[in-house]
Amino acid sequence: MTERYRLMEAEKGSFPVPAMARLLAVSRSGFYSWLRRPRPEPADPWAAAREAVRAEHEAARGIPGARTLLALVSPRFPGITLYRVRRLMRELGIRGVRPNAPKRTTVPDPGAPARPDLVRRGFDRPVPTCWLCGDITYLRTGQGWLYMAVVIDLCTRMVVGLSFSERMGADLPVAALEAAWRRGYVAEGAVFHSDRGSQYTSKAIAEWAAARGVRLSVGRTGSCHDNAVAESFFGTFKSEMYHRFSFATRDEARAASVGYVEGYYNRRRPHSSIDYERPADKMASFMARMDAAAEREEGMPIAA
């Protein structure tokens, strides 16, 4: 009976109800009574996906946009698309953080020694720890400026070295490189690429690189594209963290920066240039393969 009523409901705009009632052998009063009954709301097929998008966006402090959210929820919802995620975000009234325009801070040293560009904008490298880049940015606090230097692995896009200082001297990038090297993220013979800022063309960084067997590479003066990975990271860092807060002290800015880099960017945020993997996961996978290869070599018999 219910199926007949549903057919009548669907066709009542095209055919008179009395005629359909006679044809289907049902009463008109029964049909109208059925129409007046309360009916359950149809199930929402995207309810679970909507909740997942909301939860991921909230867990990341409102940072991710649609593409990042798609990467985060697609393993649980294989049929979901970028269009659907954007629609769910509109329904939820949420949006991702948008980047701000960058500001140029590089001050070249006209007397610095000439160095080659060994990267030549080839930022997609197949092996971690062998090709690195870095740069310096500034953070305003209630106590004055705090400067931050980073070292980024070009294969995994993981920030492998980080340092802070109240002064933008040559010791700042050296400290970031040393941190990366001590953690095992700088291979012997690795290339470290930067801009031509005076901190990166200094004697201090040249001496550090010579002692560690690292080759130095620099881009052209005034070309942000020659160090695009580092520039892009700082744009993301400032949009997703720095510009959303104010810091009374340098210690507050330092703690927030470390928390963002180590707690979110490296370990939780999918990166578009590495097929939406997480940088720390990609690096950990490489390190596990290296450890396994070393164990196999140790177990091999020595040839007579």
C-alpha atoms as a PDB file:
ATOM      1  CA  MET A   1       0.000   0.000   0.000  1.00  0.00           C
ATOM      2  CA  THR A   2       2.778   2.428   0.913  1.00  0.00           C
ATOM      3  CA  GLU A   3       4.414   1.949  -2.486  1.00  0.00           C
ATOM      4  CA  ARG A   4       1.119   2.871  -4.206  1.00  0.00           C
ATOM      5  CA  TYR A   5       0.814   5.998  -2.089  1.00  0.00           C
ATOM      6  CA  ARG A   6       4.379   6.951  -2.962  1.00  0.00           C
ATOM      7  CA  LEU A   7       3.597   6.520  -6.659  1.00  0.00           C
ATOM      8  CA  MET A   8       0.525   8.729  -6.308  1.00  0.00           C
ATOM      9  CA  GLU A   9       2.554  11.374  -4.451  1.00  0.00           C
ATOM     10  CA  ALA A  10       5.138  11.413  -7.219  1.00  0.00           C
ATOM     11  CA  GLU A  11       2.529  11.711  -9.992  1.00  0.00           C
ATOM     12  CA  LYS A  12      -0.134  13.913  -8.371  1.00  0.00           C
ATOM     13  CA  GLY A  13       1.128  16.913 -10.289  1.00  0.00           C
ATOM     14  CA  SER A  14       0.454  15.130 -13.584  1.00  0.00           C
ATOM     15  CA  PHE A  15      -2.699  13.074 -12.904  1.00  0.00           C
ATOM     16  CA  PRO A  16      -5.827  13.635 -10.781  1.00  0.00           C
ATOM     17  CA  VAL A  17      -5.798  11.879  -7.415  1.00  0.00           C
ATOM     18  CA  PRO A  18      -9.281  10.275  -7.800  1.00  0.00           C
ATOM     19  CA  ALA A  19      -8.273   8.666 -11.105  1.00  0.00           C
ATOM     20  CA  MET A  20      -5.030   7.293  -9.648  1.00  0.00           C
ATOM     21  CA  ALA A  21      -6.910   6.020  -6.556  1.00  0.00           C
ATOM     22  CA  ARG A  22      -9.364   4.085  -8.738  1.00  0.00           C
ATOM     23  CA  LEU A  23      -6.580   2.705 -10.959  1.00  0.00           C
ATOM     24  CA  LEU A  24      -4.463   1.577  -8.006  1.00  0.00           C
ATOM     25  CA  ALA A  25      -7.439   0.347  -5.935  1.00  0.00           C
ATOM     26  CA  VAL A  26      -6.808   2.578  -2.921  1.00  0.00           C
ATOM     27  CA  SER A  27      -8.992   5.115  -1.132  1.00  0.00           C
ATOM     28  CA  ARG A  28      -8.481   8.840  -1.531  1.00  0.00           C
ATOM     29  CA  SER A  29      -8.964   9.397   2.192  1.00  0.00           C
ATOM     30  CA  GLY A  30      -6.307   6.800   2.960  1.00  0.00           C
ATOM     31  CA  PHE A  31      -3.880   8.536   0.592  1.00  0.00           C
ATOM     32  CA  TYR A  32      -4.487  11.981   2.139  1.00  0.00           C
ATOM     33  CA  SER A  33      -4.167  10.518   5.637  1.00  0.00           C
ATOM     34  CA  TRP A  34      -0.808   8.980   4.616  1.00  0.00           C
ATOM     35  CA  LEU A  35       0.366  12.352   3.300  1.00  0.00           C
ATOM     36  CA  ARG A  36      -0.376  13.996   6.669  1.00  0.00           C
ATOM     37  CA  ARG A  37       1.654  11.492   8.691  1.00  0.00           C
ATOM     38  CA  PRO A  38       5.013  12.737  10.066  1.00  0.00           C
ATOM     39  CA  ARG A  39       7.930  11.146   8.246  1.00  0.00           C
ATOM     40  CA  PRO A  40      11.518  10.699   9.397  1.00  0.00           C
ATOM     41  CA  GLU A  41      14.099  12.950   7.804  1.00  0.00           C
ATOM     42  CA  PRO A  42      16.065  11.214   5.049  1.00  0.00           C
ATOM     43  CA  ALA A  43      19.469   9.957   6.158  1.00  0.00           C
ATOM     44  CA  ASP A  44      22.345  12.327   5.409  1.00  0.00           C
ATOM     45  CA  PRO A  45      24.968  10.285   3.513  1.00  0.00           C
ATOM     46  CA  TRP A  46      27.663  12.893   4.268  1.00  0.00           C
ATOM     47  CA  ALA A  47      27.008  13.299   7.982  1.00  0.00           C
ATOM     48  CA  ALA A  48      30.068  11.287   9.015  1.00  0.00           C
ATOM     49  CA  ALA A  49      32.299  13.055   6.490  1.00  0.00           C
ATOM     50  CA  ARG A  50      31.002  16.454   7.627  1.00  0.00           C
ATOM     51  CA  GLU A  51      31.855  15.607  11.229  1.00  0.00           C
ATOM     52  CA  ALA A  52      35.320  14.376  10.180  1.00  0.00           C
ATOM     53  CA  VAL A  53      36.003  17.629   8.292  1.00  0.00           C
ATOM     54  CA  ARG A  54      34.857  19.672  11.294  1.00  0.00           C
ATOM     55  CA  ALA A  55      36.978  17.614  13.716  1.00  0.00           C
ATOM     56  CA  GLU A  56      40.149  17.817  11.578  1.00  0.00           C
ATOM     57  CA  HIS A  57      39.717  21.549  11.053  1.00  0.00           C
ATOM     58  CA  GLU A  58      39.174  22.121  14.772  1.00  0.00           C
ATOM     59  CA  ALA A  59      42.089  19.865  15.790  1.00  0.00           C
ATOM     60  CA  ALA A  60      44.394  21.908  13.542  1.00  0.00           C
ATOM     61  CA  ARG A  61      43.211  25.182  15.100  1.00  0.00           C
ATOM     62  CA  GLY A  62      41.321  26.263  11.995  1.00  0.00           C
ATOM     63  CA  ILE A  63      44.371  26.163   9.725  1.00  0.00           C
ATOM     64  CA  PRO A  64      43.680  23.617   6.919  1.00  0.00           C
ATOM     65  CA  GLY A  65      42.023  24.526   3.648  1.00  0.00           C
ATOM     66  CA  ALA A  66      39.968  22.213   1.452  1.00  0.00           C
ATOM     67  CA  ARG A  67      42.879  20.391  -0.192  1.00  0.00           C
ATOM     68  CA  THR A  68      44.577  19.611   3.106  1.00  0.00           C
ATOM     69  CA  LEU A  69      41.292  18.490   4.663  1.00  0.00           C
ATOM     70  CA  LEU A  70      40.670  16.245   1.658  1.00  0.00           C
ATOM     71  CA  ALA A  71      44.033  14.555   2.249  1.00  0.00           C
ATOM     72  CA  LEU A  72      43.216  14.128   5.940  1.00  0.00           C
ATOM     73  CA  VAL A  73      39.745  12.598   5.566  1.00  0.00           C
ATOM     74  CA  SER A  74      39.999  10.702   2.244  1.00  0.00           C
ATOM     75  CA  PRO A  75      41.489   7.525   3.817  1.00  0.00           C
ATOM     76  CA  ARG A  76      38.239   7.157   5.799  1.00  0.00           C
ATOM     77  CA  PHE A  77      35.945   8.279   2.960  1.00  0.00           C
ATOM     78  CA  PRO A  78      37.384   6.963  -0.341  1.00  0.00           C
ATOM     79  CA  GLY A  79      34.628   8.473  -2.504  1.00  0.00           C
ATOM     80  CA  ILE A  80      34.971  12.026  -1.219  1.00  0.00           C
ATOM     81  CA  THR A  81      36.091  14.738  -3.644  1.00  0.00           C
ATOM     82  CA  LEU A  82      37.547  18.232  -3.366  1.00  0.00           C
ATOM     83  CA  TYR A  83      34.163  19.649  -4.434  1.00  0.00           C
ATOM     84  CA  ARG A  84      32.430  17.753  -1.623  1.00  0.00           C
ATOM     85  CA  VAL A  85      34.939  18.930   1.005  1.00  0.00           C
ATOM     86  CA  ARG A  86      34.478  22.540  -0.099  1.00  0.00           C
ATOM     87  CA  ARG A  87      30.706  22.122   0.105  1.00  0.00           C
ATOM     88  CA  LEU A  88      30.921  20.598   3.574  1.00  0.00           C
ATOM     89  CA  MET A  89      33.161  23.473   4.681  1.00  0.00           C
ATOM     90  CA  ARG A  90      30.572  25.987   3.427  1.00  0.00           C
ATOM     91  CA  GLU A  91      27.830  24.134   5.281  1.00  0.00           C
ATOM     92  CA  LEU A  92      29.924  24.193   8.447  1.00  0.00           C
ATOM     93  CA  GLY A  93      30.850  27.851   7.991  1.00  0.00           C
ATOM     94  CA  ILE A  94      34.587  27.168   8.169  1.00  0.00           C
ATOM     95  CA  ARG A  95      37.525  28.131   5.964  1.00  0.00           C
ATOM     96  CA  GLY A  96      41.269  27.643   5.865  1.00  0.00           C
ATOM     97  CA  VAL A  97      43.943  30.221   6.552  1.00  0.00           C
ATOM     98  CA  ARG A  98      45.034  32.197   3.498  1.00  0.00           C
ATOM     99  CA  PRO A  99      48.656  33.271   2.940  1.00  0.00           C
ATOM    100  CA  ASN A 100      49.745  36.872   3.317  1.00  0.00           C
ATOM    101  CA  ALA A 101      52.026  38.709   0.904  1.00  0.00           C
ATOM    102  CA  PRO A 102      55.712  38.041   1.673  1.00  0.00           C
ATOM    103  CA  LYS A 103      58.183  40.760   2.619  1.00  0.00           C
ATOM    104  CA  ARG A 104      61.768  40.753   1.345  1.00  0.00           C
ATOM    105  CA  THR A 105      64.371  40.668   4.121  1.00  0.00           C
ATOM    106  CA  THR A 106      67.544  39.507   2.343  1.00  0.00           C
ATOM    107  CA  VAL A 107      70.472  41.929   2.570  1.00  0.00           C
ATOM    108  CA  PRO A 108      73.327  40.734   0.316  1.00  0.00           C
ATOM    109  CA  ASP A 109      76.970  41.341   1.118  1.00  0.00           C
ATOM    110  CA  PRO A 110      78.642  42.949  -1.940  1.00  0.00           C
ATOM    111  CA  GLY A 111      82.040  41.701  -0.797  1.00  0.00           C
ATOM    112  CA  ALA A 112      80.984  38.080  -0.305  1.00  0.00           C
ATOM    113  CA  PRO A 113      82.826  35.368  -2.241  1.00  0.00           C
ATOM    114  CA  ALA A 114      81.159  34.006  -5.362  1.00  0.00           C
ATOM    115  CA  ARG A 115      79.259  30.739  -4.921  1.00  0.00           C
ATOM    116  CA  PRO A 116      77.428  28.656  -7.518  1.00  0.00           C
ATOM    117  CA  ASP A 117      73.743  27.803  -7.667  1.00  0.00           C
ATOM    118  CA  LEU A 118      73.881  23.994  -7.433  1.00  0.00           C
ATOM    119  CA  VAL A 119      70.099  23.583  -7.146  1.00  0.00           C
ATOM    120  CA  ARG A 120      68.945  25.772 -10.065  1.00  0.00           C
ATOM    121  CA  ARG A 121      65.321  25.581  -8.882  1.00  0.00           C
ATOM    122  CA  GLY A 122      65.392  21.783  -8.916  1.00  0.00           C
ATOM    123  CA  PHE A 123      63.576  21.468  -5.608  1.00  0.00           C
ATOM    124  CA  ASP A 124      62.125  17.972  -6.088  1.00  0.00           C
ATOM    125  CA  ARG A 125      64.932  15.712  -4.898  1.00  0.00           C
ATOM    126  CA  PRO A 126      64.632  11.910  -4.598  1.00  0.00           C
ATOM    127  CA  VAL A 127      66.756  11.236  -1.506  1.00  0.00           C
ATOM    128  CA  PRO A 128      66.389  12.841   1.953  1.00  0.00           C
ATOM    129  CA  THR A 129      69.288  14.459   3.866  1.00  0.00           C
ATOM    130  CA  CYS A 130      71.269  15.199   0.667  1.00  0.00           C
ATOM    131  CA  TRP A 131      69.658  18.424  -0.562  1.00  0.00           C
ATOM    132  CA  LEU A 132      68.704  21.097   1.948  1.00  0.00           C
ATOM    133  CA  CYS A 133      67.694  24.743   1.911  1.00  0.00           C
ATOM    134  CA  GLY A 134      67.305  27.462   4.515  1.00  0.00           C
ATOM    135  CA  ASP A 135      66.380  31.033   5.231  1.00  0.00           C
ATOM    136  CA  ILE A 136      65.783  33.530   8.065  1.00  0.00           C
ATOM    137  CA  THR A 137      62.605  35.337   9.079  1.00  0.00           C
ATOM    138  CA  TYR A 138      61.741  37.850  11.780  1.00  0.00           C
ATOM    139  CA  LEU A 139      59.067  37.703  14.519  1.00  0.00           C
ATOM    140  CA  ARG A 140      57.823  40.814  16.308  1.00  0.00           C
ATOM    141  CA  THR A 141      57.257  40.471  20.071  1.00  0.00           C
ATOM    142  CA  GLY A 142      56.555  42.802  22.976  1.00  0.00           C
ATOM    143  CA  GLN A 143      60.260  42.599  23.849  1.00  0.00           C
ATOM    144  CA  GLY A 144      61.496  43.382  20.352  1.00  0.00           C
ATOM    145  CA  TRP A 145      62.478  41.293  17.331  1.00  0.00           C
ATOM    146  CA  LEU A 146      63.152  37.557  17.426  1.00  0.00           C
ATOM    147  CA  TYR A 147      64.880  36.029  14.399  1.00  0.00           C
ATOM    148  CA  MET A 148      64.304  32.434  13.296  1.00  0.00           C
ATOM    149  CA  ALA A 149      66.415  30.342  10.917  1.00  0.00           C
ATOM    150  CA  VAL A 150      65.274  27.057   9.397  1.00  0.00           C
ATOM    151  CA  VAL A 151      66.818  24.177   7.483  1.00  0.00           C
ATOM    152  CA  ILE A 152      64.414  22.254   5.233  1.00  0.00           C
ATOM    153  CA  ASP A 153      64.978  18.878   3.600  1.00  0.00           C
ATOM    154  CA  LEU A 154      64.019  19.223  -0.075  1.00  0.00           C
ATOM    155  CA  CYS A 155      62.926  15.601  -0.522  1.00  0.00           C
ATOM    156  CA  THR A 156      60.584  15.339   2.471  1.00  0.00           C
ATOM    157  CA  ARG A 157      59.918  19.084   3.045  1.00  0.00           C
ATOM    158  CA  MET A 158      60.565  18.418   6.732  1.00  0.00           C
ATOM    159  CA  VAL A 159      62.007  21.274   8.797  1.00  0.00           C
ATOM    160  CA  VAL A 160      65.082  19.486  10.138  1.00  0.00           C
ATOM    161  CA  GLY A 161      66.880  22.425  11.780  1.00  0.00           C
ATOM    162  CA  LEU A 162      65.605  25.403  13.732  1.00  0.00           C
ATOM    163  CA  SER A 163      67.321  28.199  15.668  1.00  0.00           C
ATOM    164  CA  PHE A 164      66.407  31.544  17.259  1.00  0.00           C
ATOM    165  CA  SER A 165      68.310  34.684  18.206  1.00  0.00           C
ATOM    166  CA  GLU A 166      67.765  38.300  19.175  1.00  0.00           C
ATOM    167  CA  ARG A 167      70.317  39.275  16.513  1.00  0.00           C
ATOM    168  CA  MET A 168      70.349  38.355  12.827  1.00  0.00           C
ATOM    169  CA  GLY A 169      74.005  37.334  12.712  1.00  0.00           C
ATOM    170  CA  ALA A 170      75.891  34.540  10.975  1.00  0.00           C
ATOM    171  CA  ASP A 171      75.657  32.338  14.067  1.00  0.00           C
ATOM    172  CA  LEU A 172      71.868  32.045  13.560  1.00  0.00           C
ATOM    173  CA  PRO A 173      71.881  29.887  10.376  1.00  0.00           C
ATOM    174  CA  VAL A 174      74.964  28.000  11.605  1.00  0.00           C
ATOM    175  CA  ALA A 175      73.020  26.988  14.730  1.00  0.00           C
ATOM    176  CA  ALA A 176      70.104  25.743  12.595  1.00  0.00           C
ATOM    177  CA  LEU A 177      72.460  23.709  10.394  1.00  0.00           C
ATOM    178  CA  GLU A 178      74.240  22.282  13.421  1.00  0.00           C
ATOM    179  CA  ALA A 179      70.880  21.232  14.900  1.00  0.00           C
ATOM    180  CA  ALA A 180      69.983  19.437  11.661  1.00  0.00           C
ATOM    181  CA  TRP A 181      73.395  17.755  11.490  1.00  0.00           C
ATOM    182  CA  ARG A 182      73.245  16.551  15.107  1.00  0.00           C
ATOM    183  CA  ARG A 183      69.845  14.956  14.452  1.00  0.00           C
ATOM    184  CA  GLY A 184      71.278  12.992  11.528  1.00  0.00           C
ATOM    185  CA  TYR A 185      69.516  14.932   8.785  1.00  0.00           C
ATOM    186  CA  VAL A 186      72.598  16.218   6.927  1.00  0.00           C
ATOM    187  CA  ALA A 187      74.447  13.625   4.873  1.00  0.00           C
ATOM    188  CA  GLU A 188      78.146  13.915   4.102  1.00  0.00           C
ATOM    189  CA  GLY A 189      78.520  15.766   0.810  1.00  0.00           C
ATOM    190  CA  ALA A 190      75.020  17.276   1.118  1.00  0.00           C
ATOM    191  CA  VAL A 191      74.148  20.532  -0.636  1.00  0.00           C
ATOM    192  CA  PHE A 192      72.775  23.409   1.439  1.00  0.00           C
ATOM    193  CA  HIS A 193      71.032  26.096  -0.625  1.00  0.00           C
ATOM    194  CA  SER A 194      70.118  29.619   0.485  1.00  0.00           C
ATOM    195  CA  ASP A 195      69.760  33.177  -0.735  1.00  0.00           C
ATOM    196  CA  ARG A 196      72.715  35.581  -0.953  1.00  0.00           C
ATOM    197  CA  GLY A 197      72.043  37.234   2.394  1.00  0.00           C
ATOM    198  CA  SER A 198      75.165  38.222   4.280  1.00  0.00           C
ATOM    199  CA  GLN A 199      74.506  35.588   6.979  1.00  0.00           C
ATOM    200  CA  TYR A 200      74.681  32.814   4.365  1.00  0.00           C
ATOM    201  CA  THR A 201      77.759  34.110   2.559  1.00  0.00           C
ATOM    202  CA  SER A 202      79.691  34.653   5.793  1.00  0.00           C
ATOM    203  CA  LYS A 203      82.999  33.108   6.822  1.00  0.00           C
ATOM    204  CA  ALA A 204      81.293  31.369   9.767  1.00  0.00           C
ATOM    205  CA  ILE A 205      78.951  29.332   7.584  1.00  0.00           C
ATOM    206  CA  ALA A 206      81.755  28.540   5.121  1.00  0.00           C
ATOM    207  CA  GLU A 207      83.882  27.154   7.953  1.00  0.00           C
ATOM    208  CA  TRP A 208      80.992  25.098   9.306  1.00  0.00           C
ATOM    209  CA  ALA A 209      80.269  23.644   5.869  1.00  0.00           C
ATOM    210  CA  ALA A 210      83.931  22.777   5.252  1.00  0.00           C
ATOM    211  CA  ALA A 211      84.164  20.986   8.613  1.00  0.00           C
ATOM    212  CA  ARG A 212      81.014  18.931   7.903  1.00  0.00           C
ATOM    213  CA  GLY A 213      81.684  18.182   4.233  1.00  0.00           C
ATOM    214  CA  VAL A 214      78.672  20.228   3.093  1.00  0.00           C
ATOM    215  CA  ARG A 215      78.583  22.064  -0.231  1.00  0.00           C
ATOM    216  CA  LEU A 216      77.105  25.568  -0.232  1.00  0.00           C
ATOM    217  CA  SER A 217      74.785  26.850  -2.947  1.00  0.00           C
ATOM    218  CA  VAL A 218      73.132  30.251  -3.372  1.00  0.00           C
ATOM    219  CA  GLY A 219      70.474  31.719  -5.643  1.00  0.00           C
ATOM    220  CA  ARG A 220      70.552  34.996  -7.495  1.00  0.00           C
ATOM    221  CA  THR A 221      70.238  38.336  -5.731  1.00  0.00           C
ATOM    222  CA  GLY A 222      66.647  39.554  -5.519  1.00  0.00           C
ATOM    223  CA  SER A 223      65.071  36.350  -6.866  1.00  0.00           C
ATOM    224  CA  CYS A 224      62.760  34.744  -4.323  1.00  0.00           C
ATOM    225  CA  HIS A 225      62.048  31.917  -6.789  1.00  0.00           C
ATOM    226  CA  ASP A 226      65.620  30.647  -6.463  1.00  0.00           C
ATOM    227  CA  ASN A 227      64.871  29.750  -2.836  1.00  0.00           C
ATOM    228  CA  ALA A 228      61.170  29.100  -3.286  1.00  0.00           C
ATOM    229  CA  VAL A 229      60.828  26.220  -0.817  1.00  0.00           C
ATOM    230  CA  ALA A 230      62.077  28.262   2.131  1.00  0.00           C
ATOM    231  CA  GLU A 231      60.046  31.300   1.030  1.00  0.00           C
ATOM    232  CA  SER A 232      56.943  29.133   0.737  1.00  0.00           C
ATOM    233  CA  PHE A 233      57.475  27.651   4.181  1.00  0.00           C
ATOM    234  CA  PHE A 234      57.725  31.076   5.804  1.00  0.00           C
ATOM    235  CA  GLY A 235      54.564  32.186   4.004  1.00  0.00           C
ATOM    236  CA  THR A 236      52.748  29.153   5.386  1.00  0.00           C
ATOM    237  CA  PHE A 237      54.258  29.544   8.847  1.00  0.00           C
ATOM    238  CA  LYS A 238      53.251  33.192   9.148  1.00  0.00           C
ATOM    239  CA  SER A 239      49.740  32.669   7.771  1.00  0.00           C
ATOM    240  CA  GLU A 240      48.929  29.572   9.782  1.00  0.00           C
ATOM    241  CA  MET A 241      50.581  30.535  13.067  1.00  0.00           C
ATOM    242  CA  TYR A 242      52.439  33.831  13.490  1.00  0.00           C
ATOM    243  CA  HIS A 243      49.853  36.292  12.112  1.00  0.00           C
ATOM    244  CA  ARG A 244      47.070  34.700  14.155  1.00  0.00           C
ATOM    245  CA  PHE A 245      48.597  35.558  17.540  1.00  0.00           C
ATOM    246  CA  SER A 246      50.505  38.268  19.350  1.00  0.00           C
ATOM    247  CA  PHE A 247      53.473  37.554  21.603  1.00  0.00           C
ATOM    248  CA  ALA A 248      54.374  39.525  24.702  1.00  0.00           C
ATOM    249  CA  THR A 249      57.814  37.954  25.016  1.00  0.00           C
ATOM    250  CA  ARG A 250      60.429  36.310  22.835  1.00  0.00           C
ATOM    251  CA  ASP A 251      60.034  33.104  24.822  1.00  0.00           C
ATOM    252  CA  GLU A 252      56.326  32.988  23.913  1.00  0.00           C
ATOM    253  CA  ALA A 253      57.108  33.431  20.209  1.00  0.00           C
ATOM    254  CA  ARG A 254      59.856  30.809  20.366  1.00  0.00           C
ATOM    255  CA  ALA A 255      57.615  28.242  22.096  1.00  0.00           C
ATOM    256  CA  ALA A 256      54.750  28.842  19.669  1.00  0.00           C
ATOM    257  CA  SER A 257      57.075  28.546  16.659  1.00  0.00           C
ATOM    258  CA  VAL A 258      58.619  25.281  17.860  1.00  0.00           C
ATOM    259  CA  GLY A 259      55.170  23.937  18.692  1.00  0.00           C
ATOM    260  CA  TYR A 260      53.883  24.740  15.211  1.00  0.00           C
ATOM    261  CA  VAL A 261      56.912  23.319  13.371  1.00  0.00           C
ATOM    262  CA  GLU A 262      57.412  20.145  15.404  1.00  0.00           C
ATOM    263  CA  GLY A 263      53.855  19.543  16.580  1.00  0.00           C
ATOM    264  CA  TYR A 264      51.916  20.411  13.440  1.00  0.00           C
ATOM    265  CA  TYR A 265      53.888  21.212  10.272  1.00  0.00           C
ATOM    266  CA  ASN A 266      56.308  18.286  10.402  1.00  0.00           C
ATOM    267  CA  ARG A 267      54.065  15.636  11.960  1.00  0.00           C
ATOM    268  CA  ARG A 268      50.431  16.386  11.182  1.00  0.00           C
ATOM    269  CA  ARG A 269      50.156  18.634   8.139  1.00  0.00           C
ATOM    270  CA  PRO A 270      49.965  16.846   4.746  1.00  0.00           C
ATOM    271  CA  HIS A 271      52.231  18.535   2.194  1.00  0.00           C
ATOM    272  CA  SER A 272      51.004  18.967  -1.382  1.00  0.00           C
ATOM    273  CA  SER A 273      54.458  18.676  -2.998  1.00  0.00           C
ATOM    274  CA  ILE A 274      54.987  15.158  -1.552  1.00  0.00           C
ATOM    275  CA  ASP A 275      51.548  13.805  -2.543  1.00  0.00           C
ATOM    276  CA  TYR A 276      49.978  14.922   0.722  1.00  0.00           C
ATOM    277  CA  GLU A 277      52.218  12.798   2.907  1.00  0.00           C
ATOM    278  CA  ARG A 278      53.365  14.197   6.227  1.00  0.00           C
ATOM    279  CA  PRO A 279      57.018  15.299   6.152  1.00  0.00           C
ATOM    280  CA  ALA A 280      58.011  13.443   9.341  1.00  0.00           C
ATOM    281  CA  ASP A 281      56.346  10.236   8.086  1.00  0.00           C
ATOM    282  CA  LYS A 282      58.267  10.425   4.805  1.00  0.00           C
ATOM    283  CA  MET A 283      61.543  11.047   6.644  1.00  0.00           C
ATOM    284  CA  ALA A 284      60.869   8.239   9.140  1.00  0.00           C
ATOM    285  CA  SER A 285      60.190   5.815   6.283  1.00  0.00           C
ATOM    286  CA  PHE A 286      63.546   6.705   4.702  1.00  0.00           C
ATOM    287  CA  MET A 287      65.396   6.336   8.010  1.00  0.00           C
ATOM    288  CA  ALA A 288      63.782   2.933   8.610  1.00  0.00           C
ATOM    289  CA  ARG A 289      64.941   1.745   5.177  1.00  0.00           C
ATOM    290  CA  MET A 290      68.474   2.983   5.891  1.00  0.00           C
ATOM    291  CA  ASP A 291      68.539   1.186   9.254  1.00  0.00           C
ATOM    292  CA  ALA A 292      67.321  -2.028   7.631  1.00  0.00           C
ATOM    293  CA  ALA A 293      69.999  -1.779   4.924  1.00  0.00           C
ATOM    294  CA  ALA A 294      72.698  -1.212   7.552  1.00  0.00           C
ATOM    295  CA  GLU A 295      71.547  -4.276   9.503  1.00  0.00           C
ATOM    296  CA  ARG A 296      71.673  -6.402   6.347  1.00  0.00           C
ATOM    297  CA  GLU A 297      75.209  -5.215   5.621  1.00  0.00           C
ATOM    298  CA  GLU A 298      76.296  -6.041   9.187  1.00  0.00           C
ATOM    299  CA  GLY A 299      74.879  -9.539   8.827  1.00  0.00           C
ATOM    300  CA  MET A 300      76.647 -10.307   5.543  1.00  0.00           C
ATOM    301  CA  PRO A 301      79.668 -12.642   5.765  1.00  0.00           C
ATOM    302  CA  ILE A 302      83.075 -11.098   5.047  1.00  0.00           C
ATOM    303  CA  ALA A 303      84.568 -12.357   1.766  1.00  0.00           C
ATOM    304  CA  ALA A 304      87.774 -14.361   2.124  1.00  0.00           C
END
